[in-house]
Every structure is written in C-alpha cells, then in structure tokens.
C-alpha cells in the first residue's frame, strides 16, 4: 500500500496490483475504521462507506489532484 496523502485524519492510498476486486483505476480513502474505494478520475464510489463530511473532503482531494 502506498500512502498518497494524509490530512484531517484521512488517509488516501493506492494498492499496487489491486485488480482482484476492481479492474478500474481507483484509490482507497480511510478514516478511523471506515474505508471507501473511489474510481479515478470520475469519483464514482465502488465500495464502502465514509462519514459524509470526510467523503466530501476525499472527493475534493480527487478533483484537486
């Protein structure tokens, strides 16, 4: 797992060769015990749940980067 960014307790990471469950490019966003998988670059949620305010920050991160 490569950590791309950390801010406000949120960890944005990418797994090397993670094609077992998701065949499209994606990132993992974790906050405490919650995790969500978001596709790149469109920001569709592939899996998981995250607090609404943390999800908003994660999606903003994707748009900015």
PDB file of N, CA and C in Angstrom:
ATOM      1  N   UNK A   1       0.842  -1.174   0.000  1.00  0.00           N
ATOM      2  CA  UNK A   1       0.000   0.000   0.000  1.00  0.00           C
ATOM      3  C   UNK A   1       0.885   1.233   0.000  1.00  0.00           C
ATOM      4  N   UNK A   2       0.623   2.114  -0.925  1.00  0.00           N
ATOM      5  CA  UNK A   2       1.350   3.379  -0.989  1.00  0.00           C
ATOM      6  C   UNK A   2       0.430   4.488  -0.496  1.00  0.00           C
ATOM      7  N   UNK A   3       0.855   5.172   0.554  1.00  0.00           N
ATOM      8  CA  UNK A   3       0.075   6.292   1.062  1.00  0.00           C
ATOM      9  C   UNK A   3       0.379   7.506   0.196  1.00  0.00           C
ATOM     10  N   UNK A   4      -0.662   8.061  -0.382  1.00  0.00           N
ATOM     11  CA  UNK A   4      -0.523   9.201  -1.269  1.00  0.00           C
ATOM     12  C   UNK A   4      -0.607  10.506  -0.500  1.00  0.00           C
ATOM     13  N   UNK A   5      -1.538  10.569   0.463  1.00  0.00           N
ATOM     14  CA  UNK A   5      -1.747  11.792   1.213  1.00  0.00           C
ATOM     15  C   UNK A   5      -2.417  11.486   2.547  1.00  0.00           C
ATOM     16  N   UNK A   6      -2.185  12.376   3.511  1.00  0.00           N
ATOM     17  CA  UNK A   6      -2.841  12.292   4.814  1.00  0.00           C
ATOM     18  C   UNK A   6      -3.235  13.703   5.225  1.00  0.00           C
ATOM     19  N   UNK A   7      -4.509  13.882   5.608  1.00  0.00           N
ATOM     20  CA  UNK A   7      -4.987  15.188   6.048  1.00  0.00           C
ATOM     21  C   UNK A   7      -6.251  15.002   6.872  1.00  0.00           C
ATOM     22  N   UNK A   8      -6.393  15.761   7.943  1.00  0.00           N
ATOM     23  CA  UNK A   8      -7.568  15.732   8.821  1.00  0.00           C
ATOM     24  C   UNK A   8      -7.945  14.316   9.262  1.00  0.00           C
ATOM     25  N   UNK A   9      -6.981  13.466   9.473  1.00  0.00           N
ATOM     26  CA  UNK A   9      -7.238  12.098   9.885  1.00  0.00           C
ATOM     27  C   UNK A   9      -7.615  11.160   8.746  1.00  0.00           C
ATOM     28  N   UNK A  10      -7.613  11.676   7.528  1.00  0.00           N
ATOM     29  CA  UNK A  10      -7.968  10.892   6.348  1.00  0.00           C
ATOM     30  C   UNK A  10      -6.681  10.386   5.695  1.00  0.00           C
ATOM     31  N   UNK A  11      -6.686   9.123   5.306  1.00  0.00           N
ATOM     32  CA  UNK A  11      -5.536   8.534   4.612  1.00  0.00           C
ATOM     33  C   UNK A  11      -5.971   8.142   3.208  1.00  0.00           C
ATOM     34  N   UNK A  12      -5.292   8.686   2.220  1.00  0.00           N
ATOM     35  CA  UNK A  12      -5.556   8.368   0.814  1.00  0.00           C
ATOM     36  C   UNK A  12      -4.434   7.445   0.364  1.00  0.00           C
ATOM     37  N   UNK A  13      -4.795   6.253  -0.117  1.00  0.00           N
ATOM     38  CA  UNK A  13      -3.772   5.281  -0.500  1.00  0.00           C
ATOM     39  C   UNK A  13      -4.145   4.568  -1.788  1.00  0.00           C
ATOM     40  N   UNK A  14      -3.142   3.912  -2.346  1.00  0.00           N
ATOM     41  CA  UNK A  14      -3.313   3.139  -3.564  1.00  0.00           C
ATOM     42  C   UNK A  14      -2.565   1.820  -3.373  1.00  0.00           C
ATOM     43  N   UNK A  15      -3.159   0.737  -3.776  1.00  0.00           N
ATOM     44  CA  UNK A  15      -2.534  -0.573  -3.648  1.00  0.00           C
ATOM     45  C   UNK A  15      -1.921  -0.971  -4.980  1.00  0.00           C
ATOM     46  N   UNK A  16      -0.737  -1.513  -4.936  1.00  0.00           N
ATOM     47  CA  UNK A  16      -0.044  -1.965  -6.134  1.00  0.00           C
ATOM     48  C   UNK A  16      -0.667  -3.269  -6.616  1.00  0.00           C
ATOM     49  N   UNK A  17      -1.025  -3.337  -7.873  1.00  0.00           N
ATOM     50  CA  UNK A  17      -1.637  -4.518  -8.496  1.00  0.00           C
ATOM     51  C   UNK A  17      -2.899  -4.986  -7.784  1.00  0.00           C
ATOM     52  N   UNK A  18      -3.759  -4.074  -7.397  1.00  0.00           N
ATOM     53  CA  UNK A  18      -5.028  -4.402  -6.747  1.00  0.00           C
ATOM     54  C   UNK A  18      -6.100  -4.580  -7.819  1.00  0.00           C
ATOM     55  N   UNK A  19      -6.105  -5.735  -8.474  1.00  0.00           N
ATOM     56  CA  UNK A  19      -7.071  -5.990  -9.544  1.00  0.00           C
ATOM     57  C   UNK A  19      -7.994  -7.160  -9.208  1.00  0.00           C
ATOM     58  N   UNK A  20      -7.956  -7.632  -7.989  1.00  0.00           N
ATOM     59  CA  UNK A  20      -8.787  -8.772  -7.629  1.00  0.00           C
ATOM     60  C   UNK A  20     -10.266  -8.408  -7.599  1.00  0.00           C
ATOM     61  N   UNK A  21     -10.583  -7.217  -7.072  1.00  0.00           N
ATOM     62  CA  UNK A  21     -11.980  -6.822  -6.934  1.00  0.00           C
ATOM     63  C   UNK A  21     -12.377  -5.700  -7.886  1.00  0.00           C
ATOM     64  N   UNK A  22     -11.438  -4.815  -8.220  1.00  0.00           N
ATOM     65  CA  UNK A  22     -11.759  -3.643  -9.030  1.00  0.00           C
ATOM     66  C   UNK A  22     -10.793  -3.591 -10.213  1.00  0.00           C
ATOM     67  N   UNK A  23     -11.334  -3.619 -11.404  1.00  0.00           N
ATOM     68  CA  UNK A  23     -10.484  -3.616 -12.590  1.00  0.00           C
ATOM     69  C   UNK A  23     -10.199  -2.223 -13.125  1.00  0.00           C
ATOM     70  N   UNK A  24     -10.795  -1.199 -12.535  1.00  0.00           N
ATOM     71  CA  UNK A  24     -10.549   0.165 -12.998  1.00  0.00           C
ATOM     72  C   UNK A  24      -9.630   0.886 -12.018  1.00  0.00           C
ATOM     73  N   UNK A  25      -8.920   1.916 -12.465  1.00  0.00           N
ATOM     74  CA  UNK A  25      -8.051   2.668 -11.545  1.00  0.00           C
ATOM     75  C   UNK A  25      -8.869   3.262 -10.396  1.00  0.00           C
ATOM     76  N   UNK A  26      -8.357   3.142  -9.188  1.00  0.00           N
ATOM     77  CA  UNK A  26      -9.093   3.613  -8.018  1.00  0.00           C
ATOM     78  C   UNK A  26      -8.145   3.926  -6.867  1.00  0.00           C
ATOM     79  N   UNK A  27      -8.678   4.639  -5.877  1.00  0.00           N
ATOM     80  CA  UNK A  27      -7.931   4.900  -4.651  1.00  0.00           C
ATOM     81  C   UNK A  27      -8.785   4.473  -3.464  1.00  0.00           C
ATOM     82  N   UNK A  28      -8.116   4.268  -2.343  1.00  0.00           N
ATOM     83  CA  UNK A  28      -8.773   3.918  -1.098  1.00  0.00           C
ATOM     84  C   UNK A  28      -8.659   5.113  -0.167  1.00  0.00           C
ATOM     85  N   UNK A  29      -9.771   5.480   0.459  1.00  0.00           N
ATOM     86  CA  UNK A  29      -9.766   6.564   1.432  1.00  0.00           C
ATOM     87  C   UNK A  29     -10.230   5.977   2.758  1.00  0.00           C
ATOM     88  N   UNK A  30      -9.396   6.148   3.783  1.00  0.00           N
ATOM     89  CA  UNK A  30      -9.707   5.613   5.109  1.00  0.00           C
ATOM     90  C   UNK A  30      -9.831   6.751   6.114  1.00  0.00           C
ATOM     91  N   UNK A  31     -10.780   6.583   7.021  1.00  0.00           N
ATOM     92  CA  UNK A  31     -10.928   7.480   8.162  1.00  0.00           C
ATOM     93  C   UNK A  31     -11.361   6.620   9.335  1.00  0.00           C
ATOM     94  N   UNK A  32     -10.529   6.555  10.339  1.00  0.00           N
ATOM     95  CA  UNK A  32     -10.746   5.696  11.503  1.00  0.00           C
ATOM     96  C   UNK A  32     -10.998   4.268  11.042  1.00  0.00           C
ATOM     97  N   UNK A  33     -12.162   3.693  11.317  1.00  0.00           N
ATOM     98  CA  UNK A  33     -12.452   2.306  10.943  1.00  0.00           C
ATOM     99  C   UNK A  33     -13.203   2.203   9.619  1.00  0.00           C
ATOM    100  N   UNK A  34     -13.480   3.328   8.983  1.00  0.00           N
ATOM    101  CA  UNK A  34     -14.244   3.324   7.742  1.00  0.00           C
ATOM    102  C   UNK A  34     -13.305   3.406   6.540  1.00  0.00           C
ATOM    103  N   UNK A  35     -13.730   2.796   5.438  1.00  0.00           N
ATOM    104  CA  UNK A  35     -12.945   2.837   4.213  1.00  0.00           C
ATOM    105  C   UNK A  35     -13.883   2.869   3.012  1.00  0.00           C
ATOM    106  N   UNK A  36     -13.465   3.599   1.996  1.00  0.00           N
ATOM    107  CA  UNK A  36     -14.244   3.696   0.774  1.00  0.00           C
ATOM    108  C   UNK A  36     -13.286   3.573  -0.409  1.00  0.00           C
ATOM    109  N   UNK A  37     -13.772   2.999  -1.485  1.00  0.00           N
ATOM    110  CA  UNK A  37     -12.980   2.851  -2.708  1.00  0.00           C
ATOM    111  C   UNK A  37     -13.634   3.733  -3.759  1.00  0.00           C
ATOM    112  N   UNK A  38     -12.830   4.627  -4.358  1.00  0.00           N
ATOM    113  CA  UNK A  38     -13.346   5.598  -5.316  1.00  0.00           C
ATOM    114  C   UNK A  38     -12.577   5.460  -6.629  1.00  0.00           C
ATOM    115  N   UNK A  39     -13.308   5.434  -7.739  1.00  0.00           N
ATOM    116  CA  UNK A  39     -12.659   5.317  -9.046  1.00  0.00           C
ATOM    117  C   UNK A  39     -12.016   6.640  -9.441  1.00  0.00           C
ATOM    118  N   UNK A  40     -10.979   6.510 -10.253  1.00  0.00           N
ATOM    119  CA  UNK A  40     -10.265   7.682 -10.756  1.00  0.00           C
ATOM    120  C   UNK A  40     -10.539   7.746 -12.251  1.00  0.00           C
ATOM    121  N   UNK A  41     -10.800   8.795 -12.889  1.00  0.00           N
ATOM    122  CA  UNK A  41     -10.883  10.168 -12.390  1.00  0.00           C
ATOM    123  C   UNK A  41     -12.295  10.633 -12.098  1.00  0.00           C
ATOM    124  N   UNK A  42     -13.328   9.801 -12.357  1.00  0.00           N
ATOM    125  CA  UNK A  42     -14.707  10.292 -12.259  1.00  0.00           C
ATOM    126  C   UNK A  42     -15.263  10.372 -10.844  1.00  0.00           C
ATOM    127  N   UNK A  43     -14.655   9.713  -9.870  1.00  0.00           N
ATOM    128  CA  UNK A  43     -15.081   9.830  -8.478  1.00  0.00           C
ATOM    129  C   UNK A  43     -16.272   8.981  -8.093  1.00  0.00           C
ATOM    130  N   UNK A  44     -16.587   7.953  -8.876  1.00  0.00           N
ATOM    131  CA  UNK A  44     -17.678   7.046  -8.514  1.00  0.00           C
ATOM    132  C   UNK A  44     -17.277   6.188  -7.324  1.00  0.00           C
ATOM    133  N   UNK A  45     -18.217   5.959  -6.422  1.00  0.00           N
ATOM    134  CA  UNK A  45     -17.960   5.111  -5.259  1.00  0.00           C
ATOM    135  C   UNK A  45     -18.145   3.659  -5.677  1.00  0.00           C
ATOM    136  N   UNK A  46     -17.080   2.872  -5.519  1.00  0.00           N
ATOM    137  CA  UNK A  46     -17.123   1.466  -5.910  1.00  0.00           C
ATOM    138  C   UNK A  46     -17.520   0.570  -4.747  1.00  0.00           C
ATOM    139  N   UNK A  47     -17.139   0.984  -3.538  1.00  0.00           N
ATOM    140  CA  UNK A  47     -17.359   0.117  -2.385  1.00  0.00           C
ATOM    141  C   UNK A  47     -17.137   0.897  -1.098  1.00  0.00           C
ATOM    142  N   UNK A  48     -17.864   0.541  -0.048  1.00  0.00           N
ATOM    143  CA  UNK A  48     -17.619   1.071   1.277  1.00  0.00           C
ATOM    144  C   UNK A  48     -18.470   2.264   1.660  1.00  0.00           C
ATOM    145  N   UNK A  49     -18.253   2.717   2.900  1.00  0.00           N
ATOM    146  CA  UNK A  49     -18.966   3.861   3.458  1.00  0.00           C
ATOM    147  C   UNK A  49     -17.981   4.748   4.198  1.00  0.00           C
ATOM    148  N   UNK A  50     -18.308   6.031   4.236  1.00  0.00           N
ATOM    149  CA  UNK A  50     -17.475   7.014   4.914  1.00  0.00           C
ATOM    150  C   UNK A  50     -18.391   8.117   5.426  1.00  0.00           C
ATOM    151  N   UNK A  51     -18.022   8.734   6.535  1.00  0.00           N
ATOM    152  CA  UNK A  51     -18.822   9.840   7.059  1.00  0.00           C
ATOM    153  C   UNK A  51     -18.981  10.894   5.970  1.00  0.00           C
ATOM    154  N   UNK A  52     -20.166  11.485   5.849  1.00  0.00           N
ATOM    155  CA  UNK A  52     -20.421  12.440   4.754  1.00  0.00           C
ATOM    156  C   UNK A  52     -19.416  13.592   4.663  1.00  0.00           C
ATOM    157  N   UNK A  53     -19.025  14.155   5.795  1.00  0.00           N
ATOM    158  CA  UNK A  53     -18.074  15.273   5.727  1.00  0.00           C
ATOM    159  C   UNK A  53     -16.686  14.810   5.297  1.00  0.00           C
ATOM    160  N   UNK A  54     -16.282  13.613   5.654  1.00  0.00           N
ATOM    161  CA  UNK A  54     -14.978  13.078   5.228  1.00  0.00           C
ATOM    162  C   UNK A  54     -15.026  12.654   3.762  1.00  0.00           C
ATOM    163  N   UNK A  55     -16.168  12.138   3.320  1.00  0.00           N
ATOM    164  CA  UNK A  55     -16.337  11.796   1.912  1.00  0.00           C
ATOM    165  C   UNK A  55     -16.208  13.046   1.057  1.00  0.00           C
ATOM    166  N   UNK A  56     -16.817  14.122   1.498  1.00  0.00           N
ATOM    167  CA  UNK A  56     -16.740  15.390   0.765  1.00  0.00           C
ATOM    168  C   UNK A  56     -15.298  15.858   0.621  1.00  0.00           C
ATOM    169  N   UNK A  57     -14.510  15.739   1.696  1.00  0.00           N
ATOM    170  CA  UNK A  57     -13.096  16.117   1.637  1.00  0.00           C
ATOM    171  C   UNK A  57     -12.326  15.198   0.687  1.00  0.00           C
ATOM    172  N   UNK A  58     -12.621  13.906   0.723  1.00  0.00           N
ATOM    173  CA  UNK A  58     -11.951  12.954  -0.158  1.00  0.00           C
ATOM    174  C   UNK A  58     -12.240  13.217  -1.623  1.00  0.00           C
ATOM    175  N   UNK A  59     -13.503  13.509  -1.934  1.00  0.00           N
ATOM    176  CA  UNK A  59     -13.865  13.809  -3.318  1.00  0.00           C
ATOM    177  C   UNK A  59     -13.242  15.124  -3.776  1.00  0.00           C
ATOM    178  N   UNK A  60     -13.144  16.081  -2.880  1.00  0.00           N
ATOM    179  CA  UNK A  60     -12.486  17.344  -3.216  1.00  0.00           C
ATOM    180  C   UNK A  60     -11.012  17.117  -3.503  1.00  0.00           C
ATOM    181  N   UNK A  61     -10.381  16.224  -2.727  1.00  0.00           N
ATOM    182  CA  UNK A  61      -8.982  15.887  -2.961  1.00  0.00           C
ATOM    183  C   UNK A  61      -8.793  15.321  -4.369  1.00  0.00           C
ATOM    184  N   UNK A  62      -9.705  14.414  -4.782  1.00  0.00           N
ATOM    185  CA  UNK A  62      -9.605  13.831  -6.113  1.00  0.00           C
ATOM    186  C   UNK A  62      -9.725  14.898  -7.190  1.00  0.00           C
ATOM    187  N   UNK A  63     -10.683  15.809  -7.036  1.00  0.00           N
ATOM    188  CA  UNK A  63     -10.865  16.864  -8.040  1.00  0.00           C
ATOM    189  C   UNK A  63      -9.647  17.783  -8.129  1.00  0.00           C
ATOM    190  N   UNK A  64      -9.030  18.065  -7.001  1.00  0.00           N
ATOM    191  CA  UNK A  64      -7.880  18.988  -6.977  1.00  0.00           C
ATOM    192  C   UNK A  64      -6.596  18.342  -7.490  1.00  0.00           C
ATOM    193  N   UNK A  65      -6.487  17.023  -7.348  1.00  0.00           N
ATOM    194  CA  UNK A  65      -5.253  16.352  -7.714  1.00  0.00           C
ATOM    195  C   UNK A  65      -5.444  15.444  -8.898  1.00  0.00           C
TER     196      UNK A  65
END
